[in-house]
Amino acid sequence: MQRRIFLSYGKNDDGTAPLGAGAVYALARDHFLRMPSHTDPVLGPIAECQWVSTETVPVVAEVLVTPKNLPMTPRFHDLATVSAREGKNPEGFPWVGDSGSLQ
């Protein structure tokens, strides 16, 4: 299965990505369940990488990050186009066009 990473952001008024310095928090895994897989009509099978918890989880460690730590430069999307696609397919990936390519 081909893996894809989606980093897509709306632009700030000056055309830049709405990104800044922040933190990534390491949390204990035993409080989480992996989200179930599903099928997207454009992309096909989606194996979710997100894990969710319904309870407060203690922070084990904190790592400070900046946009330079991202694995790639974010692509930009048009909010109106993405919103329209989301309305048609709420379970899908609205920043991906009908052809499966990023906008």
N, C-alpha and C. Protein backbone atom coordinates (compact mmCIF):
# COMPACT_ATOMS: atom_id res chain seq x y z
N MET A 1 0.84 -1.18 0.00
CA MET A 1 0.00 0.00 0.00
C MET A 1 0.89 1.25 0.00
N GLN A 2 0.58 2.17 -0.87
CA GLN A 2 1.34 3.42 -0.94
C GLN A 2 0.95 4.33 0.22
N ARG A 3 1.96 4.85 0.94
CA ARG A 3 1.71 5.77 2.06
C ARG A 3 1.76 7.20 1.54
N ARG A 4 0.88 8.03 2.05
CA ARG A 4 0.86 9.45 1.68
C ARG A 4 0.78 10.27 2.95
N ILE A 5 1.42 11.41 2.92
CA ILE A 5 1.32 12.38 4.00
C ILE A 5 0.67 13.62 3.42
N PHE A 6 -0.38 14.10 4.06
CA PHE A 6 -1.05 15.31 3.61
C PHE A 6 -0.74 16.44 4.58
N LEU A 7 -0.08 17.47 4.10
CA LEU A 7 0.10 18.71 4.84
C LEU A 7 -0.48 19.80 3.95
N SER A 8 -1.65 20.25 4.26
CA SER A 8 -2.33 21.23 3.43
C SER A 8 -2.90 22.31 4.34
N TYR A 9 -2.62 23.56 4.00
CA TYR A 9 -3.04 24.68 4.83
C TYR A 9 -3.67 25.77 3.98
N GLY A 10 -4.65 26.46 4.57
CA GLY A 10 -5.12 27.68 3.96
C GLY A 10 -4.05 28.74 4.16
N LYS A 11 -4.03 29.76 3.31
CA LYS A 11 -3.00 30.79 3.40
C LYS A 11 -3.42 31.91 4.36
N ASN A 12 -2.41 32.50 5.02
CA ASN A 12 -2.64 33.75 5.74
C ASN A 12 -2.86 34.85 4.70
N ASP A 13 -3.29 36.02 5.14
CA ASP A 13 -3.53 37.14 4.22
C ASP A 13 -2.27 37.50 3.42
N ASP A 14 -1.08 37.27 4.01
CA ASP A 14 0.16 37.61 3.30
C ASP A 14 0.68 36.47 2.43
N GLY A 15 -0.11 35.36 2.29
CA GLY A 15 0.27 34.25 1.43
C GLY A 15 1.12 33.18 2.08
N THR A 16 1.43 33.32 3.36
CA THR A 16 2.25 32.34 4.06
C THR A 16 1.39 31.29 4.76
N ALA A 17 2.01 30.16 5.11
CA ALA A 17 1.30 29.11 5.84
C ALA A 17 1.08 29.55 7.29
N PRO A 18 -0.06 29.20 7.89
CA PRO A 18 -0.34 29.58 9.28
C PRO A 18 0.38 28.65 10.25
N LEU A 19 1.69 28.69 10.20
CA LEU A 19 2.51 27.81 11.03
C LEU A 19 3.43 28.62 11.91
N GLY A 20 3.78 28.05 13.05
CA GLY A 20 4.72 28.69 13.96
C GLY A 20 5.37 27.64 14.83
N ALA A 21 6.21 28.08 15.72
CA ALA A 21 6.86 27.16 16.65
C ALA A 21 5.81 26.59 17.60
N GLY A 22 6.07 25.38 18.08
CA GLY A 22 5.14 24.74 18.99
C GLY A 22 5.80 23.57 19.69
N ALA A 23 5.00 22.61 20.10
CA ALA A 23 5.51 21.45 20.82
C ALA A 23 4.78 20.19 20.37
N VAL A 24 5.49 19.08 20.40
CA VAL A 24 4.91 17.75 20.21
C VAL A 24 4.99 17.06 21.56
N TYR A 25 3.87 16.50 21.99
CA TYR A 25 3.82 15.87 23.30
C TYR A 25 3.82 14.35 23.17
N ALA A 26 4.65 13.69 23.92
CA ALA A 26 4.66 12.22 23.99
C ALA A 26 3.71 11.81 25.11
N LEU A 27 2.81 10.88 24.78
CA LEU A 27 1.79 10.42 25.73
C LEU A 27 1.85 8.91 25.86
N ALA A 28 1.41 8.39 26.98
CA ALA A 28 1.39 6.95 27.19
C ALA A 28 0.36 6.31 26.25
N ARG A 29 0.76 5.27 25.52
CA ARG A 29 -0.08 4.63 24.52
C ARG A 29 -1.28 3.90 25.12
N ASP A 30 -1.18 3.42 26.32
CA ASP A 30 -2.23 2.57 26.88
C ASP A 30 -3.58 3.26 27.05
N HIS A 31 -3.66 4.56 26.85
CA HIS A 31 -4.92 5.29 26.97
C HIS A 31 -5.62 5.45 25.61
N PHE A 32 -5.03 4.93 24.51
CA PHE A 32 -5.50 5.22 23.17
C PHE A 32 -5.95 3.98 22.41
N LEU A 33 -6.87 4.19 21.46
CA LEU A 33 -7.30 3.19 20.50
C LEU A 33 -7.10 3.77 19.10
N ARG A 34 -6.65 2.92 18.15
CA ARG A 34 -6.45 3.38 16.78
C ARG A 34 -7.81 3.56 16.10
N MET A 35 -7.94 4.64 15.34
CA MET A 35 -9.16 4.87 14.58
C MET A 35 -9.32 3.78 13.54
N PRO A 36 -10.55 3.35 13.27
CA PRO A 36 -10.75 2.27 12.29
C PRO A 36 -10.45 2.70 10.86
N SER A 37 -10.03 1.75 10.04
CA SER A 37 -9.79 2.00 8.62
C SER A 37 -11.12 2.20 7.91
N HIS A 38 -11.07 2.84 6.74
CA HIS A 38 -12.26 3.03 5.93
C HIS A 38 -11.84 3.16 4.47
N THR A 39 -12.82 3.28 3.57
CA THR A 39 -12.52 3.41 2.15
C THR A 39 -13.01 4.77 1.66
N ASP A 40 -12.11 5.51 1.02
CA ASP A 40 -12.43 6.80 0.41
C ASP A 40 -12.77 6.53 -1.06
N PRO A 41 -13.83 7.18 -1.60
CA PRO A 41 -14.22 6.91 -2.98
C PRO A 41 -13.17 7.32 -4.02
N VAL A 42 -12.28 8.23 -3.67
CA VAL A 42 -11.24 8.67 -4.60
C VAL A 42 -9.92 7.94 -4.34
N LEU A 43 -9.51 7.85 -3.09
CA LEU A 43 -8.20 7.30 -2.76
C LEU A 43 -8.20 5.80 -2.49
N GLY A 44 -9.37 5.22 -2.24
CA GLY A 44 -9.44 3.79 -1.94
C GLY A 44 -9.27 3.54 -0.45
N PRO A 45 -8.68 2.38 -0.07
CA PRO A 45 -8.55 2.02 1.35
C PRO A 45 -7.67 3.02 2.12
N ILE A 46 -8.14 3.44 3.28
CA ILE A 46 -7.41 4.37 4.14
C ILE A 46 -7.15 3.67 5.47
N ALA A 47 -5.88 3.45 5.78
CA ALA A 47 -5.48 2.91 7.08
C ALA A 47 -5.16 4.11 7.96
N GLU A 48 -6.04 4.41 8.88
CA GLU A 48 -5.86 5.60 9.72
C GLU A 48 -4.62 5.49 10.59
N CYS A 49 -3.92 6.58 10.72
CA CYS A 49 -2.74 6.64 11.58
C CYS A 49 -3.06 7.34 12.90
N GLN A 50 -4.27 7.92 13.00
CA GLN A 50 -4.64 8.64 14.21
C GLN A 50 -5.07 7.67 15.30
N TRP A 51 -4.69 8.00 16.52
CA TRP A 51 -5.12 7.27 17.70
C TRP A 51 -5.91 8.24 18.57
N VAL A 52 -6.97 7.78 19.20
CA VAL A 52 -7.83 8.66 19.99
C VAL A 52 -7.99 8.14 21.42
N SER A 53 -8.25 9.08 22.33
CA SER A 53 -8.51 8.74 23.71
C SER A 53 -9.71 9.54 24.18
N THR A 54 -10.53 8.96 25.02
CA THR A 54 -11.70 9.66 25.55
C THR A 54 -11.46 10.17 26.97
N GLU A 55 -10.22 10.07 27.42
CA GLU A 55 -9.89 10.52 28.77
C GLU A 55 -8.65 11.42 28.75
N THR A 56 -8.47 12.18 29.80
CA THR A 56 -7.27 13.02 29.93
C THR A 56 -6.05 12.12 30.09
N VAL A 57 -4.99 12.46 29.37
CA VAL A 57 -3.79 11.62 29.35
C VAL A 57 -2.60 12.46 29.84
N PRO A 58 -1.79 11.93 30.76
CA PRO A 58 -0.64 12.69 31.24
C PRO A 58 0.46 12.79 30.17
N VAL A 59 1.14 13.92 30.15
CA VAL A 59 2.25 14.14 29.22
C VAL A 59 3.50 13.45 29.77
N VAL A 60 4.14 12.63 28.93
CA VAL A 60 5.36 11.93 29.31
C VAL A 60 6.59 12.78 28.98
N ALA A 61 6.54 13.46 27.81
CA ALA A 61 7.66 14.30 27.38
C ALA A 61 7.15 15.36 26.42
N GLU A 62 7.91 16.45 26.28
CA GLU A 62 7.56 17.56 25.39
C GLU A 62 8.78 17.85 24.52
N VAL A 63 8.55 17.93 23.19
CA VAL A 63 9.63 18.24 22.24
C VAL A 63 9.26 19.52 21.52
N LEU A 64 10.10 20.54 21.62
CA LEU A 64 9.84 21.80 20.93
C LEU A 64 10.17 21.65 19.45
N VAL A 65 9.29 22.18 18.57
CA VAL A 65 9.46 22.05 17.12
C VAL A 65 9.21 23.39 16.44
N THR A 66 9.68 23.48 15.20
CA THR A 66 9.41 24.63 14.33
C THR A 66 8.95 24.09 12.99
N PRO A 67 8.43 24.93 12.09
CA PRO A 67 8.02 24.45 10.76
C PRO A 67 9.15 23.75 9.99
N LYS A 68 10.39 24.05 10.28
CA LYS A 68 11.51 23.39 9.61
C LYS A 68 11.57 21.91 9.95
N ASN A 69 10.91 21.48 11.03
CA ASN A 69 10.89 20.07 11.42
C ASN A 69 9.88 19.25 10.64
N LEU A 70 9.02 19.89 9.84
CA LEU A 70 8.04 19.15 9.04
C LEU A 70 8.76 18.32 7.97
N PRO A 71 8.18 17.16 7.60
CA PRO A 71 8.84 16.31 6.60
C PRO A 71 8.80 16.86 5.19
N MET A 72 7.98 17.88 4.94
CA MET A 72 7.87 18.49 3.62
C MET A 72 7.27 19.88 3.74
N THR A 73 7.36 20.65 2.68
CA THR A 73 6.75 21.97 2.67
C THR A 73 5.24 21.81 2.49
N PRO A 74 4.43 22.46 3.31
CA PRO A 74 2.98 22.32 3.17
C PRO A 74 2.49 22.88 1.84
N ARG A 75 1.49 22.22 1.27
CA ARG A 75 0.80 22.76 0.10
C ARG A 75 -0.34 23.63 0.60
N PHE A 76 -0.78 24.55 -0.23
CA PHE A 76 -1.89 25.41 0.14
C PHE A 76 -3.16 24.95 -0.56
N HIS A 77 -4.29 25.23 0.06
CA HIS A 77 -5.57 24.92 -0.56
C HIS A 77 -6.48 26.13 -0.48
N ASP A 78 -7.51 26.11 -1.31
CA ASP A 78 -8.52 27.16 -1.32
C ASP A 78 -9.66 26.74 -0.40
N LEU A 79 -9.95 27.55 0.60
CA LEU A 79 -10.94 27.19 1.62
C LEU A 79 -12.32 26.94 1.02
N ALA A 80 -12.75 27.73 0.06
CA ALA A 80 -14.08 27.55 -0.52
C ALA A 80 -14.17 26.21 -1.26
N THR A 81 -13.14 25.85 -2.01
CA THR A 81 -13.12 24.58 -2.73
C THR A 81 -13.14 23.41 -1.76
N VAL A 82 -12.29 23.47 -0.74
CA VAL A 82 -12.23 22.39 0.25
C VAL A 82 -13.56 22.26 0.99
N SER A 83 -14.17 23.38 1.34
CA SER A 83 -15.46 23.34 2.05
C SER A 83 -16.54 22.70 1.19
N ALA A 84 -16.56 23.01 -0.11
CA ALA A 84 -17.55 22.41 -1.01
C ALA A 84 -17.34 20.90 -1.12
N ARG A 85 -16.07 20.46 -1.24
CA ARG A 85 -15.77 19.03 -1.33
C ARG A 85 -16.14 18.31 -0.04
N GLU A 86 -15.91 18.96 1.09
CA GLU A 86 -16.23 18.35 2.38
C GLU A 86 -17.75 18.15 2.51
N GLY A 87 -18.52 19.08 1.98
CA GLY A 87 -19.97 18.94 2.01
C GLY A 87 -20.45 17.75 1.20
N LYS A 88 -19.76 17.45 0.08
CA LYS A 88 -20.13 16.32 -0.77
C LYS A 88 -19.68 14.99 -0.19
N ASN A 89 -18.56 14.98 0.53
CA ASN A 89 -17.99 13.73 1.06
C ASN A 89 -17.38 13.99 2.44
N PRO A 90 -18.20 14.07 3.50
CA PRO A 90 -17.70 14.40 4.84
C PRO A 90 -16.68 13.41 5.39
N GLU A 91 -16.67 12.17 4.90
CA GLU A 91 -15.73 11.16 5.37
C GLU A 91 -14.43 11.17 4.58
N GLY A 92 -14.36 11.93 3.51
CA GLY A 92 -13.21 11.88 2.60
C GLY A 92 -12.10 12.85 2.93
N PHE A 93 -11.26 13.08 1.96
CA PHE A 93 -10.13 14.00 2.07
C PHE A 93 -10.44 15.19 1.17
N PRO A 94 -11.07 16.25 1.69
CA PRO A 94 -11.60 17.32 0.85
C PRO A 94 -10.55 18.15 0.12
N TRP A 95 -9.30 18.07 0.51
CA TRP A 95 -8.28 18.84 -0.19
C TRP A 95 -7.73 18.09 -1.40
N VAL A 96 -8.25 16.87 -1.64
CA VAL A 96 -7.86 16.06 -2.79
C VAL A 96 -8.96 16.16 -3.83
N GLY A 97 -8.61 16.46 -5.08
CA GLY A 97 -9.59 16.58 -6.16
C GLY A 97 -10.11 15.24 -6.61
N ASP A 98 -11.07 15.25 -7.53
CA ASP A 98 -11.69 14.02 -8.03
C ASP A 98 -10.68 13.08 -8.68
N SER A 99 -9.57 13.63 -9.17
CA SER A 99 -8.57 12.79 -9.81
C SER A 99 -7.64 12.14 -8.79
N GLY A 100 -7.76 12.51 -7.52
CA GLY A 100 -6.88 11.97 -6.49
C GLY A 100 -5.63 12.81 -6.28
N SER A 101 -5.48 13.87 -7.07
CA SER A 101 -4.31 14.72 -6.90
C SER A 101 -4.61 15.86 -5.95
N LEU A 102 -3.57 16.37 -5.31
CA LEU A 102 -3.75 17.50 -4.41
C LEU A 102 -4.10 18.73 -5.24
N GLN A 103 -4.88 19.60 -4.65
CA GLN A 103 -5.26 20.83 -5.34
C GLN A 103 -4.05 21.72 -5.50
